[in-house]
Amino acid sequence: MIRKFLLDENFFGKITTEEKAYWLGFILADGSVSKENRRNCITLSLSRKDKEHLYKFKKSIKATYDIKDKIVYLKAKEHSILNLGYIAKK
């Protein structure tokens, strides 16, 4: 299977730096891990005001994935968010 988008899949293989520990904690606090079509998926969704933070994460993991602008509804109120998702090939 040829990937359309790339990233450093071994970034979290060993947590040897403060940067890796920070991003792992960030995912645990603000991200989600799920299954899509029997494959593992990690998603980060942040407010548009935090977009630079999402771009920093994308750069750290060397991702070529697009950051998508989405509208979500929480308690009948519209919110604009930015979303970065990754689906594992295994």
N, C-alpha and C. Protein backbone atom coordinates (compact mmCIF):
# COMPACT_ATOMS: atom_id res chain seq x y z
N MET A 1 0.84 -1.18 0.00
CA MET A 1 0.00 0.00 0.00
C MET A 1 0.89 1.25 0.00
N ILE A 2 0.71 2.11 -0.96
CA ILE A 2 1.48 3.35 -1.04
C ILE A 2 0.70 4.45 -0.33
N ARG A 3 1.41 5.14 0.56
CA ARG A 3 0.78 6.20 1.34
C ARG A 3 0.67 7.48 0.52
N LYS A 4 -0.45 8.15 0.67
CA LYS A 4 -0.64 9.45 0.04
C LYS A 4 0.06 10.53 0.86
N PHE A 5 0.04 10.37 2.19
CA PHE A 5 0.68 11.32 3.10
C PHE A 5 1.69 10.58 3.97
N LEU A 6 2.68 11.29 4.44
CA LEU A 6 3.75 10.67 5.22
C LEU A 6 3.90 11.33 6.58
N LEU A 7 4.58 10.64 7.50
CA LEU A 7 4.99 11.17 8.79
C LEU A 7 6.01 10.23 9.38
N ASP A 8 6.67 10.67 10.44
CA ASP A 8 7.65 9.84 11.13
C ASP A 8 6.89 8.88 12.04
N GLU A 9 6.66 7.66 11.56
CA GLU A 9 5.88 6.67 12.31
C GLU A 9 6.61 6.17 13.55
N ASN A 10 7.89 6.43 13.66
CA ASN A 10 8.65 6.00 14.83
C ASN A 10 8.87 7.13 15.84
N PHE A 11 8.22 8.27 15.62
CA PHE A 11 8.42 9.43 16.49
C PHE A 11 8.20 9.08 17.96
N PHE A 12 7.16 8.31 18.26
CA PHE A 12 6.86 7.94 19.64
C PHE A 12 7.39 6.56 20.01
N GLY A 13 8.23 5.96 19.18
CA GLY A 13 8.78 4.63 19.46
C GLY A 13 9.51 4.56 20.78
N LYS A 14 10.32 5.56 21.05
CA LYS A 14 11.02 5.69 22.33
C LYS A 14 10.93 7.15 22.73
N ILE A 15 10.44 7.39 23.92
CA ILE A 15 10.30 8.76 24.41
C ILE A 15 11.64 9.16 25.06
N THR A 16 12.51 9.76 24.25
CA THR A 16 13.87 10.08 24.69
C THR A 16 14.13 11.58 24.82
N THR A 17 13.13 12.40 24.48
CA THR A 17 13.31 13.85 24.58
C THR A 17 12.10 14.47 25.26
N GLU A 18 12.29 15.69 25.76
CA GLU A 18 11.18 16.42 26.36
C GLU A 18 10.11 16.72 25.31
N GLU A 19 10.54 16.99 24.09
CA GLU A 19 9.60 17.29 23.01
C GLU A 19 8.64 16.11 22.79
N LYS A 20 9.19 14.90 22.71
CA LYS A 20 8.34 13.71 22.50
C LYS A 20 7.41 13.50 23.68
N ALA A 21 7.92 13.69 24.90
CA ALA A 21 7.08 13.53 26.09
C ALA A 21 5.96 14.57 26.10
N TYR A 22 6.28 15.79 25.72
CA TYR A 22 5.27 16.85 25.68
C TYR A 22 4.16 16.49 24.69
N TRP A 23 4.54 16.11 23.46
CA TRP A 23 3.52 15.82 22.45
C TRP A 23 2.70 14.59 22.81
N LEU A 24 3.31 13.60 23.43
CA LEU A 24 2.55 12.44 23.87
C LEU A 24 1.51 12.85 24.91
N GLY A 25 1.91 13.66 25.87
CA GLY A 25 0.96 14.17 26.87
C GLY A 25 -0.12 15.02 26.23
N PHE A 26 0.26 15.78 25.23
CA PHE A 26 -0.70 16.63 24.52
C PHE A 26 -1.77 15.78 23.83
N ILE A 27 -1.35 14.72 23.18
CA ILE A 27 -2.31 13.81 22.53
C ILE A 27 -3.23 13.19 23.58
N LEU A 28 -2.66 12.76 24.70
CA LEU A 28 -3.47 12.14 25.75
C LEU A 28 -4.49 13.12 26.31
N ALA A 29 -4.13 14.40 26.39
CA ALA A 29 -5.02 15.40 26.96
C ALA A 29 -6.05 15.93 25.94
N ASP A 30 -5.61 16.21 24.71
CA ASP A 30 -6.47 16.88 23.74
C ASP A 30 -6.75 16.09 22.48
N GLY A 31 -6.22 14.90 22.37
CA GLY A 31 -6.41 14.11 21.16
C GLY A 31 -7.38 12.97 21.38
N SER A 32 -7.52 12.17 20.35
CA SER A 32 -8.34 10.97 20.47
C SER A 32 -7.68 9.85 19.68
N VAL A 33 -7.87 8.65 20.17
CA VAL A 33 -7.37 7.45 19.49
C VAL A 33 -8.60 6.59 19.24
N SER A 34 -8.75 6.15 18.00
CA SER A 34 -9.94 5.36 17.65
C SER A 34 -9.59 4.37 16.55
N LYS A 35 -10.58 3.63 16.13
CA LYS A 35 -10.43 2.69 15.01
C LYS A 35 -11.30 3.18 13.86
N GLU A 36 -10.72 3.21 12.67
CA GLU A 36 -11.46 3.53 11.46
C GLU A 36 -11.15 2.44 10.45
N ASN A 37 -12.17 1.75 10.02
CA ASN A 37 -11.99 0.64 9.08
C ASN A 37 -10.94 -0.35 9.58
N ARG A 38 -11.03 -0.70 10.85
CA ARG A 38 -10.14 -1.67 11.52
C ARG A 38 -8.68 -1.20 11.60
N ARG A 39 -8.46 0.10 11.46
CA ARG A 39 -7.11 0.64 11.56
C ARG A 39 -7.07 1.72 12.63
N ASN A 40 -5.93 1.80 13.33
CA ASN A 40 -5.78 2.78 14.40
C ASN A 40 -5.71 4.19 13.83
N CYS A 41 -6.34 5.12 14.52
CA CYS A 41 -6.39 6.51 14.08
C CYS A 41 -6.12 7.43 15.26
N ILE A 42 -5.26 8.41 15.07
CA ILE A 42 -5.00 9.45 16.06
C ILE A 42 -5.48 10.76 15.46
N THR A 43 -6.26 11.51 16.24
CA THR A 43 -6.78 12.78 15.77
C THR A 43 -6.56 13.86 16.81
N LEU A 44 -6.14 15.02 16.37
CA LEU A 44 -6.06 16.21 17.22
C LEU A 44 -6.99 17.26 16.62
N SER A 45 -7.88 17.78 17.43
CA SER A 45 -8.78 18.84 17.00
C SER A 45 -8.65 19.99 17.98
N LEU A 46 -8.29 21.16 17.48
CA LEU A 46 -8.07 22.33 18.32
C LEU A 46 -8.86 23.52 17.80
N SER A 47 -9.09 24.45 18.67
CA SER A 47 -9.71 25.71 18.28
C SER A 47 -8.82 26.40 17.25
N ARG A 48 -9.44 27.18 16.39
CA ARG A 48 -8.66 27.89 15.36
C ARG A 48 -7.62 28.81 15.98
N LYS A 49 -7.89 29.31 17.21
CA LYS A 49 -6.92 30.22 17.85
C LYS A 49 -5.63 29.50 18.21
N ASP A 50 -5.66 28.16 18.25
CA ASP A 50 -4.48 27.37 18.59
C ASP A 50 -3.82 26.74 17.36
N LYS A 51 -4.07 27.31 16.19
CA LYS A 51 -3.59 26.69 14.96
C LYS A 51 -2.07 26.57 14.90
N GLU A 52 -1.34 27.54 15.44
CA GLU A 52 0.12 27.45 15.39
C GLU A 52 0.63 26.24 16.16
N HIS A 53 -0.06 25.88 17.23
CA HIS A 53 0.33 24.73 18.02
C HIS A 53 0.17 23.44 17.20
N LEU A 54 -0.91 23.36 16.45
CA LEU A 54 -1.14 22.19 15.60
C LEU A 54 -0.08 22.11 14.50
N TYR A 55 0.31 23.25 13.96
CA TYR A 55 1.36 23.26 12.95
C TYR A 55 2.71 22.85 13.54
N LYS A 56 2.98 23.22 14.80
CA LYS A 56 4.22 22.79 15.46
C LYS A 56 4.25 21.27 15.63
N PHE A 57 3.10 20.70 16.02
CA PHE A 57 3.03 19.24 16.16
C PHE A 57 3.26 18.57 14.81
N LYS A 58 2.59 19.08 13.80
CA LYS A 58 2.74 18.52 12.45
C LYS A 58 4.21 18.54 12.01
N LYS A 59 4.91 19.63 12.30
CA LYS A 59 6.32 19.74 11.94
C LYS A 59 7.16 18.74 12.74
N SER A 60 6.87 18.59 14.02
CA SER A 60 7.64 17.68 14.88
C SER A 60 7.58 16.24 14.38
N ILE A 61 6.40 15.81 13.93
CA ILE A 61 6.26 14.42 13.48
C ILE A 61 6.50 14.29 11.97
N LYS A 62 6.93 15.39 11.36
CA LYS A 62 7.25 15.42 9.92
C LYS A 62 6.08 14.93 9.07
N ALA A 63 4.88 15.39 9.41
CA ALA A 63 3.67 14.96 8.70
C ALA A 63 3.44 15.79 7.45
N THR A 64 2.99 15.12 6.41
CA THR A 64 2.58 15.82 5.19
C THR A 64 1.06 15.87 5.09
N TYR A 65 0.38 15.40 6.14
CA TYR A 65 -1.08 15.43 6.18
C TYR A 65 -1.58 16.87 6.19
N ASP A 66 -2.74 17.08 5.62
CA ASP A 66 -3.37 18.39 5.63
C ASP A 66 -4.03 18.65 6.98
N ILE A 67 -3.99 19.89 7.41
CA ILE A 67 -4.78 20.31 8.56
C ILE A 67 -6.09 20.82 7.99
N LYS A 68 -7.19 20.25 8.45
CA LYS A 68 -8.50 20.56 7.89
C LYS A 68 -9.28 21.50 8.80
N ASP A 69 -9.95 22.44 8.19
CA ASP A 69 -10.82 23.37 8.90
C ASP A 69 -12.22 22.76 8.93
N LYS A 70 -12.80 22.63 10.12
CA LYS A 70 -14.11 22.00 10.25
C LYS A 70 -15.01 22.83 11.13
N ILE A 71 -16.29 22.63 10.96
CA ILE A 71 -17.30 23.22 11.83
C ILE A 71 -17.93 22.08 12.63
N VAL A 72 -17.97 22.22 13.95
CA VAL A 72 -18.63 21.24 14.81
C VAL A 72 -19.66 21.96 15.65
N TYR A 73 -20.63 21.19 16.12
CA TYR A 73 -21.69 21.76 16.95
C TYR A 73 -21.64 21.11 18.33
N LEU A 74 -21.48 21.93 19.34
CA LEU A 74 -21.48 21.48 20.72
C LEU A 74 -22.55 22.25 21.46
N LYS A 75 -23.50 21.51 22.04
CA LYS A 75 -24.61 22.14 22.77
C LYS A 75 -25.30 23.19 21.91
N ALA A 76 -25.56 22.82 20.67
CA ALA A 76 -26.27 23.65 19.70
C ALA A 76 -25.52 24.94 19.33
N LYS A 77 -24.24 25.01 19.64
CA LYS A 77 -23.44 26.18 19.29
C LYS A 77 -22.37 25.77 18.28
N GLU A 78 -22.21 26.58 17.25
CA GLU A 78 -21.24 26.29 16.20
C GLU A 78 -19.83 26.69 16.64
N HIS A 79 -18.85 25.79 16.38
CA HIS A 79 -17.45 26.05 16.69
C HIS A 79 -16.61 25.72 15.47
N SER A 80 -15.65 26.58 15.17
CA SER A 80 -14.72 26.33 14.08
C SER A 80 -13.46 25.72 14.67
N ILE A 81 -13.06 24.56 14.16
CA ILE A 81 -11.88 23.87 14.68
C ILE A 81 -10.94 23.51 13.54
N LEU A 82 -9.73 23.19 13.91
CA LEU A 82 -8.75 22.65 12.97
C LEU A 82 -8.48 21.22 13.37
N ASN A 83 -8.33 20.35 12.40
CA ASN A 83 -8.22 18.92 12.66
C ASN A 83 -7.03 18.35 11.90
N LEU A 84 -6.23 17.54 12.62
CA LEU A 84 -5.13 16.80 12.00
C LEU A 84 -5.31 15.35 12.39
N GLY A 85 -5.45 14.47 11.43
CA GLY A 85 -5.66 13.06 11.71
C GLY A 85 -4.65 12.18 11.01
N TYR A 86 -4.39 11.03 11.61
CA TYR A 86 -3.44 10.07 11.07
C TYR A 86 -4.02 8.68 11.24
N ILE A 87 -4.01 7.88 10.19
CA ILE A 87 -4.45 6.50 10.26
C ILE A 87 -3.24 5.60 10.03
N ALA A 88 -2.98 4.73 10.99
CA ALA A 88 -1.83 3.82 10.90
C ALA A 88 -2.04 2.80 9.79
N LYS A 89 -0.95 2.41 9.15
CA LYS A 89 -1.09 1.40 8.09
C LYS A 89 -1.16 -0.02 8.65
N LYS A 90 -0.89 -0.19 9.94
CA LYS A 90 -0.97 -1.51 10.56
C LYS A 90 -2.16 -1.58 11.47
